[in-house]
C-alpha atoms as a PDB file:
ATOM      1  CA  MET A   1       6.999 145.151  13.705  1.00  0.00           C
ATOM      2  CA  ASN A   2      10.283 144.725  15.121  1.00  0.00           C
ATOM      3  CA  PHE A   3       9.878 142.908  18.505  1.00  0.00           C
ATOM      4  CA  ARG A   4      13.568 143.695  19.548  1.00  0.00           C
ATOM      5  CA  ASP A   5      13.065 147.415  19.355  1.00  0.00           C
ATOM      6  CA  PRO A   6      13.488 148.842  22.959  1.00  0.00           C
ATOM      7  CA  ALA A   7      10.685 151.264  22.385  1.00  0.00           C
ATOM      8  CA  THR A   8       8.166 148.416  21.818  1.00  0.00           C
ATOM      9  CA  LEU A   9       9.400 146.223  24.864  1.00  0.00           C
ATOM     10  CA  GLN A  10       7.168 146.016  27.842  1.00  0.00           C
ATOM     11  CA  PRO A  11       8.006 144.694  31.093  1.00  0.00           C
ATOM     12  CA  GLU A  12       7.666 140.931  31.822  1.00  0.00           C
ATOM     13  CA  LEU A  13       4.633 139.818  33.880  1.00  0.00           C
ATOM     14  CA  TYR A  14       5.482 136.100  34.132  1.00  0.00           C
ATOM     15  CA  VAL A  15       9.092 134.574  34.786  1.00  0.00           C
ATOM     16  CA  ARG A  16       9.895 130.989  34.727  1.00  0.00           C
ATOM     17  CA  MET A  17      10.371 129.284  38.231  1.00  0.00           C
ATOM     18  CA  PRO A  18      14.126 128.977  38.727  1.00  0.00           C
ATOM     19  CA  LYS A  19      15.931 125.800  38.281  1.00  0.00           C
ATOM     20  CA  PRO A  20      16.886 123.705  41.409  1.00  0.00           C
ATOM     21  CA  LYS A  21      19.818 125.217  43.138  1.00  0.00           C
ATOM     22  CA  ARG A  22      18.938 128.545  41.703  1.00  0.00           C
ATOM     23  CA  ARG A  23      17.452 131.654  43.034  1.00  0.00           C
ATOM     24  CA  PHE A  24      15.131 134.572  41.849  1.00  0.00           C
ATOM     25  CA  GLN A  25      14.962 137.792  43.927  1.00  0.00           C
ATOM     26  CA  GLY A  26      17.067 136.144  46.616  1.00  0.00           C
ATOM     27  CA  MET A  27      14.606 133.303  47.002  1.00  0.00           C
ATOM     28  CA  CYS A  28      15.238 129.632  46.090  1.00  0.00           C
ATOM     29  CA  ARG A  29      12.685 127.314  44.095  1.00  0.00           C
ATOM     30  CA  THR A  30      11.137 125.551  47.008  1.00  0.00           C
ATOM     31  CA  THR A  31      10.383 128.967  48.904  1.00  0.00           C
ATOM     32  CA  LEU A  32       8.794 130.177  45.736  1.00  0.00           C
ATOM     33  CA  GLN A  33       6.765 127.136  45.479  1.00  0.00           C
ATOM     34  CA  GLN A  34       5.743 126.948  49.113  1.00  0.00           C
ATOM     35  CA  LEU A  35       4.356 130.707  48.873  1.00  0.00           C
ATOM     36  CA  GLY A  36       2.570 129.617  45.639  1.00  0.00           C
ATOM     37  CA  ASP A  37       0.894 126.641  47.371  1.00  0.00           C
ATOM     38  CA  ALA A  38      -0.210 128.897  50.480  1.00  0.00           C
ATOM     39  CA  GLY A  39      -1.899 131.317  47.695  1.00  0.00           C
ATOM     40  CA  LEU A  40       0.669 133.943  48.503  1.00  0.00           C
ATOM     41  CA  ILE A  41       1.954 134.518  45.109  1.00  0.00           C
ATOM     42  CA  GLU A  42       0.549 133.473  41.884  1.00  0.00           C
ATOM     43  CA  VAL A  43       2.229 130.509  40.388  1.00  0.00           C
ATOM     44  CA  ILE A  44       0.767 129.009  36.905  1.00  0.00           C
ATOM     45  CA  SER A  45       1.737 125.765  35.160  1.00  0.00           C
ATOM     46  CA  VAL A  46       1.862 125.664  31.422  1.00  0.00           C
ATOM     47  CA  GLN A  47       1.479 122.486  29.852  1.00  0.00           C
ATOM     48  CA  GLN A  48       1.198 121.344  26.127  1.00  0.00           C
ATOM     49  CA  PRO A  49      -1.761 118.985  25.566  1.00  0.00           C
ATOM     50  CA  GLY A  50      -0.631 115.328  25.900  1.00  0.00           C
ATOM     51  CA  CYS A  51       2.476 116.282  27.674  1.00  0.00           C
ATOM     52  CA  ILE A  52       3.141 115.065  31.374  1.00  0.00           C
ATOM     53  CA  ARG A  53       5.609 117.907  32.355  1.00  0.00           C
ATOM     54  CA  GLY A  54       5.095 121.714  31.900  1.00  0.00           C
ATOM     55  CA  ILE A  55       6.897 124.778  33.070  1.00  0.00           C
ATOM     56  CA  LYS A  56       5.902 126.946  36.007  1.00  0.00           C
ATOM     57  CA  LEU A  57       5.678 130.711  35.877  1.00  0.00           C
ATOM     58  CA  ILE A  58       5.535 133.341  38.723  1.00  0.00           C
ATOM     59  CA  TYR A  59       3.443 136.144  38.105  1.00  0.00           C
ATOM     60  CA  LEU A  60       5.741 139.077  39.147  1.00  0.00           C
ATOM     61  CA  PRO A  61       3.182 141.662  40.168  1.00  0.00           C
ATOM     62  CA  SER A  62       1.864 139.082  43.031  1.00  0.00           C
ATOM     63  CA  LEU A  63       5.556 138.490  44.026  1.00  0.00           C
ATOM     64  CA  PHE A  64       6.510 142.140  44.478  1.00  0.00           C
ATOM     65  CA  GLY A  65       3.142 142.930  45.984  1.00  0.00           C
ATOM     66  CA  TYR A  66       3.837 140.056  48.639  1.00  0.00           C
ATOM     67  CA  LEU A  67       7.413 141.395  49.180  1.00  0.00           C
ATOM     68  CA  ASP A  68       6.149 145.026  49.600  1.00  0.00           C
ATOM     69  CA  GLY A  69       3.620 143.839  51.988  1.00  0.00           C
ATOM     70  CA  LEU A  70       6.369 142.305  54.038  1.00  0.00           C
ATOM     71  CA  ARG A  71       8.293 145.496  53.900  1.00  0.00           C
ATOM     72  CA  ALA A  72       5.196 147.676  55.038  1.00  0.00           C
ATOM     73  CA  ASN A  73       4.857 145.252  58.050  1.00  0.00           C
ATOM     74  CA  GLU A  74       8.708 145.549  59.103  1.00  0.00           C
ATOM     75  CA  ALA A  75       8.245 149.519  58.500  1.00  0.00           C
ATOM     76  CA  ALA A  76       4.898 149.606  60.887  1.00  0.00           C
ATOM     77  CA  LYS A  77       7.149 147.591  63.795  1.00  0.00           C
ATOM     78  CA  PHE A  78       9.347 150.524  63.956  1.00  0.00           C
ATOM     79  CA  ALA A  79       6.732 153.409  63.411  1.00  0.00           C
ATOM     80  CA  GLY A  80       5.695 153.234  67.098  1.00  0.00           C
ATOM     81  CA  PRO A  81       6.039 156.144  69.445  1.00  0.00           C
ATOM     82  CA  ILE A  82       9.629 156.989  70.335  1.00  0.00           C
ATOM     83  CA  ARG A  83      10.084 157.034  74.014  1.00  0.00           C
ATOM     84  CA  SER A  84      12.939 158.823  75.481  1.00  0.00           C
ATOM     85  CA  LYS A  85      14.699 157.522  78.352  1.00  0.00           C
ATOM     86  CA  GLN A  86      14.671 159.650  81.512  1.00  0.00           C
ATOM     87  CA  LEU A  87      17.752 160.497  83.152  1.00  0.00           C
ATOM     88  CA  ILE A  88      18.387 159.140  86.712  1.00  0.00           C
ATOM     89  CA  ARG A  89      19.857 161.982  88.956  1.00  0.00           C
END
């Protein structure tokens, strides 16, 4: 099986947390970590047995779901009734 074959490639579900001073989807590492700590997105830590440090991975469907929710909230703000101004004569 050829793992580089585009027909067999699947979209990534997890991406590595960006390095310090870098951004992912326009958000810095600190913001992504804070969203994970608040439970708004899923962030997991992968660590080999016996190692002190590991890597943090962001579960992309949770991040995109969070961003879509923000967009839906913004759209709801503007979906109210349109009121026309009365002309004063």
